[in-house]
Protein backbone atom coordinates (compact mmCIF):
# COMPACT_ATOMS: atom_id res chain seq x y z
CA UNK A 1 -39.84 -46.54 6.32
CA UNK A 2 -40.99 -44.57 3.29
CA UNK A 3 -39.93 -45.76 -0.15
CA UNK A 4 -36.52 -44.71 -1.45
CA UNK A 5 -36.58 -41.33 -3.17
CA UNK A 6 -33.21 -41.82 -4.92
CA UNK A 7 -31.03 -44.74 -5.94
CA UNK A 8 -27.40 -44.54 -6.96
CA UNK A 9 -23.94 -45.05 -5.50
CA UNK A 10 -21.45 -43.44 -3.17
CA UNK A 11 -18.25 -42.94 -5.15
CA UNK A 12 -14.74 -42.18 -3.90
CA UNK A 13 -11.55 -43.15 -5.66
CA UNK A 14 -12.36 -46.39 -7.47
CA UNK A 15 -14.88 -47.49 -4.82
CA UNK A 16 -18.61 -47.52 -5.65
CA UNK A 17 -21.15 -48.39 -2.95
CA UNK A 18 -24.71 -48.94 -4.25
CA UNK A 19 -27.15 -47.14 -1.91
CA UNK A 20 -30.72 -45.91 -1.58
CA UNK A 21 -31.69 -42.54 -0.12
CA UNK A 22 -34.54 -42.23 2.39
CA UNK A 23 -35.97 -39.10 4.07
CA UNK A 24 -34.95 -38.85 7.72
CA UNK A 25 -37.40 -36.05 8.61
CA UNK A 26 -40.99 -36.63 9.72
CA UNK A 27 -42.35 -33.13 10.17
CA UNK A 28 -45.53 -32.84 12.24
CA UNK A 29 -48.00 -30.14 11.28
CA UNK A 30 -51.70 -29.37 11.17
CA UNK A 31 -53.43 -29.75 7.82
CA UNK A 32 -55.13 -26.45 7.08
CA UNK A 33 -57.46 -25.38 4.30
CA UNK A 34 -58.21 -21.81 3.25
CA UNK A 35 -61.76 -20.48 3.43
CA UNK A 36 -63.54 -17.46 2.02
CA UNK A 37 -64.35 -15.28 5.04
CA UNK A 38 -67.72 -14.24 3.58
CA UNK A 39 -69.36 -17.66 3.32
CA UNK A 40 -66.76 -20.13 4.68
CA UNK A 41 -66.47 -21.85 1.30
CA UNK A 42 -63.11 -23.56 0.54
CA UNK A 43 -60.59 -21.58 -1.53
CA UNK A 44 -58.63 -23.65 -4.05
CA UNK A 45 -55.96 -23.30 -6.69
CA UNK A 46 -56.17 -24.08 -10.39
CA UNK A 47 -53.60 -24.93 -13.03
CA UNK A 48 -54.90 -23.16 -16.09
CA UNK A 49 -53.76 -22.21 -19.57
CA UNK A 50 -52.92 -18.50 -19.80
CA UNK A 51 -53.94 -18.63 -23.46
CA UNK A 52 -57.42 -20.16 -23.06
CA UNK A 53 -58.14 -19.76 -19.36
CA UNK A 54 -59.12 -23.44 -19.19
CA UNK A 55 -57.87 -25.83 -16.50
CA UNK A 56 -54.97 -28.12 -17.49
CA UNK A 57 -54.66 -31.69 -16.20
CA UNK A 58 -51.36 -32.82 -14.65
CA UNK A 59 -50.96 -35.39 -17.44
CA UNK A 60 -50.71 -32.56 -19.98
CA UNK A 61 -48.15 -30.46 -18.10
CA UNK A 62 -44.49 -30.51 -19.14
CA UNK A 63 -41.45 -28.46 -18.10
CA UNK A 64 -40.15 -25.85 -20.51
CA UNK A 65 -37.19 -23.48 -20.60
CA UNK A 66 -37.90 -20.11 -22.26
CA UNK A 67 -34.81 -19.42 -24.40
CA UNK A 68 -36.47 -16.53 -26.27
CA UNK A 69 -39.71 -14.61 -25.73
CA UNK A 70 -42.54 -17.22 -25.93
CA UNK A 71 -40.10 -19.83 -27.32
CA UNK A 72 -39.50 -22.92 -25.18
CA UNK A 73 -37.37 -26.05 -25.04
CA UNK A 74 -39.38 -28.89 -23.47
CA UNK A 75 -37.42 -31.02 -20.97
CA UNK A 76 -38.40 -34.49 -19.77
CA UNK A 77 -37.03 -36.41 -16.78
CA UNK A 78 -34.73 -38.22 -19.21
CA UNK A 79 -33.27 -34.87 -20.34
CA UNK A 80 -32.43 -33.94 -16.74
CA UNK A 81 -30.73 -37.30 -16.35
CA UNK A 82 -28.79 -37.11 -19.64
CA UNK A 83 -27.45 -33.64 -18.82
CA UNK A 84 -25.04 -35.33 -16.39
CA UNK A 85 -25.69 -39.02 -15.81
CA UNK A 86 -22.95 -39.33 -13.18
CA UNK A 87 -24.23 -36.39 -11.13
CA UNK A 88 -27.78 -37.77 -11.04
CA UNK A 89 -26.72 -41.29 -10.05
CA UNK A 90 -23.69 -40.74 -7.84
CA UNK A 91 -22.91 -39.22 -4.47
CA UNK A 92 -19.50 -38.08 -5.65
CA UNK A 93 -17.16 -37.65 -2.68
CA UNK A 94 -14.68 -34.83 -3.32
CA UNK A 95 -12.88 -34.73 0.05
CA UNK A 96 -12.88 -35.85 3.67
CA UNK A 97 -12.83 -33.23 6.44
CA UNK A 98 -12.77 -33.25 10.24
CA UNK A 99 -16.27 -33.76 11.62
CA UNK A 100 -16.30 -30.43 13.48
CA UNK A 101 -15.00 -28.31 10.60
CA UNK A 102 -18.35 -27.69 8.87
CA UNK A 103 -20.11 -24.68 10.48
CA UNK A 104 -23.64 -25.37 11.71
CA UNK A 105 -25.22 -22.81 9.34
CA UNK A 106 -24.32 -24.96 6.34
CA UNK A 107 -26.36 -28.01 7.40
CA UNK A 108 -29.80 -28.31 5.84
CA UNK A 109 -31.78 -31.58 5.44
CA UNK A 110 -30.98 -35.09 6.79
CA UNK A 111 -31.41 -38.32 4.82
CA UNK A 112 -30.67 -41.96 5.56
CA UNK A 113 -28.42 -43.94 3.25
CA UNK A 114 -29.05 -47.70 3.12
CA UNK A 115 -26.92 -50.17 1.17
CA UNK A 116 -28.32 -52.15 -1.71
CA UNK A 117 -27.54 -55.83 -2.12
CA UNK A 118 -23.85 -56.55 -2.62
CA UNK A 119 -23.02 -53.15 -1.15
CA UNK A 120 -23.19 -54.03 2.55
CA UNK A 121 -19.48 -54.73 3.10
CA UNK A 122 -18.24 -51.56 1.37
CA UNK A 123 -20.96 -49.56 3.18
CA UNK A 124 -19.78 -50.88 6.57
CA UNK A 125 -16.14 -50.24 5.61
CA UNK A 126 -16.81 -46.57 4.82
CA UNK A 127 -18.94 -46.13 7.96
CA UNK A 128 -16.33 -47.63 10.31
CA UNK A 129 -13.46 -45.79 8.62
CA UNK A 130 -15.18 -42.42 9.03
CA UNK A 131 -15.86 -43.21 12.71
CA UNK A 132 -12.28 -44.23 13.40
CA UNK A 133 -10.76 -41.07 11.91
CA UNK A 134 -13.57 -38.74 13.11
CA UNK A 135 -14.15 -37.38 9.62
CA UNK A 136 -17.07 -36.81 7.27
CA UNK A 137 -17.18 -36.93 3.48
CA UNK A 138 -18.01 -33.83 1.44
CA UNK A 139 -19.78 -34.71 -1.79
CA UNK A 140 -21.93 -33.42 -4.65
CA UNK A 141 -25.19 -35.05 -5.72
CA UNK A 142 -28.27 -34.24 -7.81
CA UNK A 143 -31.60 -35.25 -6.22
CA UNK A 144 -34.71 -34.83 -8.36
CA UNK A 145 -33.05 -32.29 -10.70
CA UNK A 146 -31.70 -30.18 -7.80
CA UNK A 147 -27.91 -30.10 -7.24
CA UNK A 148 -26.74 -30.33 -3.64
CA UNK A 149 -23.54 -30.02 -1.72
CA UNK A 150 -23.70 -32.75 0.94
CA UNK A 151 -21.90 -34.44 3.81
CA UNK A 152 -21.88 -38.22 4.33
CA UNK A 153 -21.83 -38.73 8.10
CA UNK A 154 -21.65 -41.94 10.19
CA UNK A 155 -24.44 -42.25 12.77
CA UNK A 156 -24.54 -45.50 14.71
CA UNK A 157 -25.18 -48.34 12.24
CA UNK A 158 -26.17 -45.90 9.50
CA UNK A 159 -24.55 -43.52 7.09
CA UNK A 160 -26.49 -40.29 6.73
CA UNK A 161 -26.44 -37.79 3.91
CA UNK A 162 -26.83 -34.23 5.15
CA UNK A 163 -27.47 -31.71 2.40
CA UNK A 164 -25.45 -28.54 2.83
CA UNK A 165 -25.99 -25.00 1.69
CA UNK A 166 -23.59 -23.58 -0.88
CA UNK A 167 -21.57 -20.55 0.21
CA UNK A 168 -23.55 -18.17 -2.03
CA UNK A 169 -26.84 -19.35 -0.48
CA UNK A 170 -25.94 -17.85 2.89
CA UNK A 171 -26.63 -14.18 3.48
CA UNK A 172 -23.66 -12.20 4.83
CA UNK A 173 -23.94 -11.38 8.53
CA UNK A 174 -22.42 -7.99 7.83
CA UNK A 175 -25.93 -6.86 6.90
CA UNK A 176 -27.05 -7.36 10.52
CA UNK A 177 -26.75 -4.84 13.32
CA UNK A 178 -24.76 -6.97 15.79
CA UNK A 179 -22.99 -6.06 19.05
CA UNK A 180 -19.19 -5.67 18.95
CA UNK A 181 -17.20 -8.90 19.15
CA UNK A 182 -15.51 -8.21 22.50
CA UNK A 183 -17.51 -8.27 25.74
CA UNK A 184 -15.98 -4.97 26.89
CA UNK A 185 -16.88 -3.15 23.67
CA UNK A 186 -20.43 -4.56 23.94
CA UNK A 187 -20.78 -3.12 27.45
CA UNK A 188 -20.68 -6.47 29.25
CA UNK A 189 -18.67 -6.36 32.49
CA UNK A 190 -16.58 -9.24 33.99
CA UNK A 191 -19.05 -9.75 36.86
CA UNK A 192 -21.89 -10.41 34.42
CA UNK A 193 -19.71 -12.80 32.41
CA UNK A 194 -18.82 -14.73 35.58
CA UNK A 195 -22.47 -14.98 36.66
CA UNK A 196 -23.52 -16.09 33.16
CA UNK A 197 -20.82 -18.81 33.13
CA UNK A 198 -22.03 -20.08 36.51
CA UNK A 199 -25.62 -20.23 35.22
CA UNK A 200 -24.52 -22.07 32.07
CA UNK A 201 -22.59 -24.58 34.21
CA UNK A 202 -25.62 -25.03 36.46
CA UNK A 203 -27.88 -25.76 33.45
CA UNK A 204 -25.41 -28.01 31.59
CA UNK A 205 -26.53 -31.63 31.02
CA UNK A 206 -26.24 -34.41 28.44
CA UNK A 207 -28.40 -33.89 25.37
CA UNK A 208 -31.49 -36.13 25.52
CA UNK A 209 -33.81 -35.46 22.54
CA UNK A 210 -36.63 -37.51 24.09
CA UNK A 211 -37.20 -34.92 26.82
CA UNK A 212 -38.14 -32.23 24.29
CA UNK A 213 -41.80 -32.55 23.33
CA UNK A 214 -44.10 -30.65 20.99
CA UNK A 215 -46.49 -28.93 23.40
CA UNK A 216 -47.79 -26.42 20.85
CA UNK A 217 -49.91 -29.04 19.03
CA UNK A 218 -51.68 -29.91 22.28
CA UNK A 219 -52.13 -26.24 23.21
CA UNK A 220 -53.60 -25.39 19.80
CA UNK A 221 -55.92 -28.42 19.89
CA UNK A 222 -57.17 -27.30 23.31
CA UNK A 223 -57.87 -23.85 21.85
CA UNK A 224 -59.72 -25.42 18.89
CA UNK A 225 -61.85 -27.60 21.20
CA UNK A 226 -62.61 -24.53 23.34
CA UNK A 227 -63.86 -22.61 20.30
CA UNK A 228 -66.01 -25.58 19.23
CA UNK A 229 -67.50 -25.85 22.74
CA UNK A 230 -68.32 -22.13 22.75
CA UNK A 231 -69.87 -22.31 19.27
CA UNK A 232 -67.20 -20.00 17.83
CA UNK A 233 -66.49 -22.21 14.82
CA UNK A 234 -66.85 -19.40 12.27
CA UNK A 235 -65.61 -16.56 14.45
CA UNK A 236 -62.25 -14.90 13.80
CA UNK A 237 -60.43 -14.26 17.09
CA UNK A 238 -59.09 -10.72 17.32
CA UNK A 239 -55.60 -10.17 18.79
CA UNK A 240 -55.37 -9.19 22.46
CA UNK A 241 -53.86 -5.79 23.28
CA UNK A 242 -50.27 -6.06 24.48
CA UNK A 243 -49.86 -5.32 28.17
CA UNK A 244 -47.97 -2.17 29.03
CA UNK A 245 -44.52 -2.91 30.34
CA UNK A 246 -44.73 -6.53 29.20
CA UNK A 247 -41.45 -6.14 27.30
CA UNK A 248 -38.51 -4.41 28.94
CA UNK A 249 -35.85 -2.92 26.74
CA UNK A 250 -32.32 -4.25 27.08
CA UNK A 251 -31.14 -0.82 28.27
CA UNK A 252 -33.11 -0.95 31.55
CA UNK A 253 -32.56 -4.61 32.45
CA UNK A 254 -30.16 -5.34 35.33
CA UNK A 255 -28.44 -8.42 33.87
CA UNK A 256 -26.49 -9.17 37.03
CA UNK A 257 -29.68 -9.18 39.13
CA UNK A 258 -31.46 -11.48 36.67
CA UNK A 259 -28.50 -13.88 36.58
CA UNK A 260 -28.31 -13.98 40.39
CA UNK A 261 -32.04 -14.66 40.61
CA UNK A 262 -31.72 -17.47 38.05
CA UNK A 263 -28.85 -19.04 39.99
CA UNK A 264 -30.85 -18.81 43.23
CA UNK A 265 -33.68 -20.76 41.57
CA UNK A 266 -31.31 -23.49 40.43
CA UNK A 267 -31.21 -22.43 36.76
CA UNK A 268 -32.92 -25.44 35.29
CA UNK A 269 -35.81 -25.53 37.78
CA UNK A 270 -37.83 -22.94 35.86
CA UNK A 271 -37.21 -24.33 32.39
CA UNK A 272 -40.00 -25.58 30.19
CA UNK A 273 -39.68 -28.27 27.49
CA UNK A 274 -38.62 -26.84 24.14
CA UNK A 275 -41.22 -26.88 21.38
CA UNK A 276 -40.08 -29.79 19.28
CA UNK A 277 -41.95 -32.49 17.43
CA UNK A 278 -42.99 -35.45 19.58
CA UNK A 279 -44.29 -37.49 16.68
CA UNK A 280 -47.72 -38.19 18.25
CA UNK A 281 -50.07 -35.23 18.35
CA UNK A 282 -50.70 -34.66 14.66
CA UNK A 283 -52.02 -38.15 14.02
CA UNK A 284 -55.06 -37.46 16.23
CA UNK A 285 -56.08 -34.19 14.60
CA UNK A 286 -59.19 -33.83 12.44
CA UNK A 287 -58.83 -31.88 9.21
CA UNK A 288 -58.56 -28.19 10.08
CA UNK A 289 -59.28 -25.07 8.10
CA UNK A 290 -57.91 -21.56 8.15
CA UNK A 291 -59.81 -18.50 6.93
CA UNK A 292 -58.62 -16.58 3.87
CA UNK A 293 -59.29 -12.85 3.85
CA UNK A 294 -58.62 -11.17 0.52
CA UNK A 295 -55.91 -13.71 -0.22
CA UNK A 296 -54.19 -13.36 3.20
CA UNK A 297 -54.22 -15.99 5.94
CA UNK A 298 -55.62 -15.03 9.33
CA UNK A 299 -53.96 -17.95 11.14
CA UNK A 300 -50.63 -19.73 10.84
CA UNK A 301 -49.74 -23.38 10.81
CA UNK A 302 -47.65 -24.80 13.58
CA UNK A 303 -44.95 -25.94 11.18
CA UNK A 304 -41.83 -23.85 10.65
CA UNK A 305 -40.98 -22.61 7.17
CA UNK A 306 -37.55 -21.68 5.93
CA UNK A 307 -38.59 -19.15 3.31
CA UNK A 308 -36.23 -20.76 0.88
CA UNK A 309 -37.06 -22.50 -2.33
CA UNK A 310 -38.53 -25.97 -2.01
CA UNK A 311 -35.87 -28.66 -2.12
CA UNK A 312 -36.12 -32.30 -2.88
């Protein structure tokens, strides 16, 4: 297990449970570098002074808040802590809610909570209480200067802290062009609904995360080895032309026919494993590089990005 990235206490009522916070994610991704297309030389980044143009070492960099034009207040880690000592050291539980009340779109990043010495009994008490009443705790916490809404959730022998998105961090779905809410208004007939339900029933099973493996890493490594074997190490692969008729518009698809065909094949018989991290492939990969062309990447990493600001 990685070292604890936060130490503090879970607080509710007069109860304080000393805990440590550990990352629960282990994202697998290729390590890419950017290259200059013209001579394949590595492209790097510099931290430099805008006044002198000279590079600045990390040891000389501090955080500043610009309160007027070119006037700054310098803040240290101690300043962030002193702004609200309780918030930076406490997972402050505000309420308990039913476990299924928090919509899925609010969940963000999982962490493990482990008790510190002398906190084991209170930790176990909170964990077993939450299990028995099927509830989770909603709390506020500051991790590395970033405030989070969070849920404390029991999971087997562990308590987990799941950071949540604040309401104003979610974009309204009204901005999307979505079908009407009723099936009839959306043009879906009862026969299609019945066939779809039968297919869903046919494909229903218990969730087993171990059956979902990351096949994309292996596929991309095979492509890399193929290019090495063919001597195409410095060659940029051009996109293939899209086949005509490869994508059929929703207007011309016979949904009932497709559902019947799927049911005839047994539903799950044609399924492929979902692309999820297996935790093995990336450890075998050599360092990889990706070409930079006028500041734009010509290949993408296998890892997913959220497009949101980096969180702790």
